[in-house]
Amino acid sequence: MSDLLVPRPAGPAPAPAPACSCGAAGRFGPTHALILLVAVLVLGTGLFLAGNQLSIIFTLLGGLGAIGAATLTAAGGGRRLMTILIEAAVRSSAGR
């Protein structure tokens, strides 16, 4: 008979994977910063080549950067830094 037809006893069950092995993989590191920098540069260049004004491009990219900084701050639990960012945004919108 062939080996494919012969039943074999079941071996021990494989160990379950750990629930969360986040470690450094869940943190914002230099590689993430480089990827975001390249993405912003490519987006800005594409918008400029499409014929948009520089003031519109800078406003859009600044807003995206502010949203990203606020998201990272909120996810990292940095309430004090979040307060400083919000205060700076309010002051800049008020023209101070």
Protein backbone atom coordinates (compact mmCIF):
# COMPACT_ATOMS: atom_id res chain seq x y z
CA MET A 1 0.00 0.00 0.00
CA SER A 2 0.93 3.57 -0.42
CA ASP A 3 2.01 5.79 2.48
CA LEU A 4 -0.91 8.10 1.72
CA LEU A 5 -3.47 5.45 2.70
CA VAL A 6 -1.86 4.35 5.96
CA PRO A 7 -3.39 6.16 8.99
CA ARG A 8 -0.93 7.79 11.35
CA PRO A 9 -1.45 8.70 15.00
CA ALA A 10 -2.15 12.33 15.69
CA GLY A 11 0.79 14.25 17.12
CA PRO A 12 0.67 16.88 19.85
CA ALA A 13 -1.34 20.00 19.04
CA PRO A 14 0.72 23.01 18.00
CA ALA A 15 1.16 25.70 20.63
CA PRO A 16 -1.17 28.70 20.17
CA ALA A 17 0.35 31.93 18.95
CA PRO A 18 0.87 34.62 21.61
CA ALA A 19 -2.02 37.05 21.93
CA CYS A 20 0.08 40.16 21.29
CA SER A 21 3.74 40.28 20.51
CA CYS A 22 3.60 43.97 19.64
CA GLY A 23 6.89 45.10 21.17
CA ALA A 24 8.55 47.57 18.85
CA ALA A 25 6.28 46.68 15.93
CA GLY A 26 3.47 48.82 17.32
CA ARG A 27 5.59 51.92 17.77
CA PHE A 28 6.26 54.83 15.44
CA GLY A 29 9.87 54.53 14.36
CA PRO A 30 12.30 56.07 11.89
CA THR A 31 11.14 53.81 9.07
CA HIS A 32 7.57 55.00 9.51
CA ALA A 33 8.74 58.62 9.54
CA LEU A 34 10.70 58.11 6.31
CA ILE A 35 7.71 56.50 4.60
CA LEU A 36 5.45 59.38 5.64
CA LEU A 37 8.02 61.96 4.53
CA VAL A 38 8.29 60.36 1.09
CA ALA A 39 4.49 60.14 0.84
CA VAL A 40 4.10 63.84 1.68
CA LEU A 41 6.78 64.83 -0.83
CA VAL A 42 5.22 62.72 -3.58
CA LEU A 43 1.73 64.06 -2.81
CA GLY A 44 2.95 67.67 -2.81
CA THR A 45 4.85 67.18 -6.07
CA GLY A 46 1.86 65.53 -7.71
CA LEU A 47 -0.45 68.34 -6.66
CA PHE A 48 2.02 70.96 -7.92
CA LEU A 49 2.40 69.20 -11.27
CA ALA A 50 -1.40 69.02 -11.52
CA GLY A 51 -1.48 72.83 -11.44
CA ASN A 52 -2.47 73.62 -7.85
CA GLN A 53 -1.19 76.74 -6.11
CA LEU A 54 1.57 76.36 -3.54
CA SER A 55 -0.51 78.00 -0.80
CA ILE A 56 -3.24 75.38 -1.25
CA ILE A 57 -0.70 72.54 -1.24
CA PHE A 58 1.00 73.80 1.93
CA THR A 59 -2.35 74.25 3.67
CA LEU A 60 -3.44 70.73 2.75
CA LEU A 61 -0.15 69.10 3.76
CA GLY A 62 -0.03 71.12 6.98
CA GLY A 63 -3.52 69.95 7.86
CA LEU A 64 -2.59 66.35 7.12
CA GLY A 65 0.49 66.69 9.30
CA ALA A 66 -1.55 68.15 12.15
CA ILE A 67 -4.07 65.32 11.93
CA GLY A 68 -1.25 62.76 11.92
CA ALA A 69 0.48 64.38 14.90
CA ALA A 70 -2.78 64.52 16.83
CA THR A 71 -3.51 60.87 16.06
CA LEU A 72 -0.06 59.72 17.17
CA THR A 73 -0.30 61.82 20.31
CA ALA A 74 -3.73 60.50 21.19
CA ALA A 75 -2.70 56.90 20.50
CA GLY A 76 0.44 57.31 22.59
CA GLY A 77 -1.45 58.70 25.55
CA GLY A 78 0.38 62.04 25.49
CA ARG A 79 -2.34 64.24 26.94
CA ARG A 80 0.02 67.09 27.78
CA LEU A 81 1.39 67.19 24.23
CA MET A 82 -2.15 66.98 22.88
CA THR A 83 -3.11 70.02 24.96
CA ILE A 84 -0.12 71.97 23.62
CA LEU A 85 -1.01 71.05 20.01
CA ILE A 86 -4.63 72.08 20.43
CA GLU A 87 -3.65 75.33 22.11
CA ALA A 88 -1.20 76.12 19.26
CA ALA A 89 -3.89 75.37 16.67
CA VAL A 90 -6.42 77.63 18.39
CA ARG A 91 -3.90 80.47 18.72
CA SER A 92 -2.84 80.20 15.07
CA SER A 93 -6.44 80.23 13.88
CA ALA A 94 -7.12 83.29 16.06
CA GLY A 95 -4.14 85.09 14.46
CA ARG A 96 -2.03 85.47 17.62
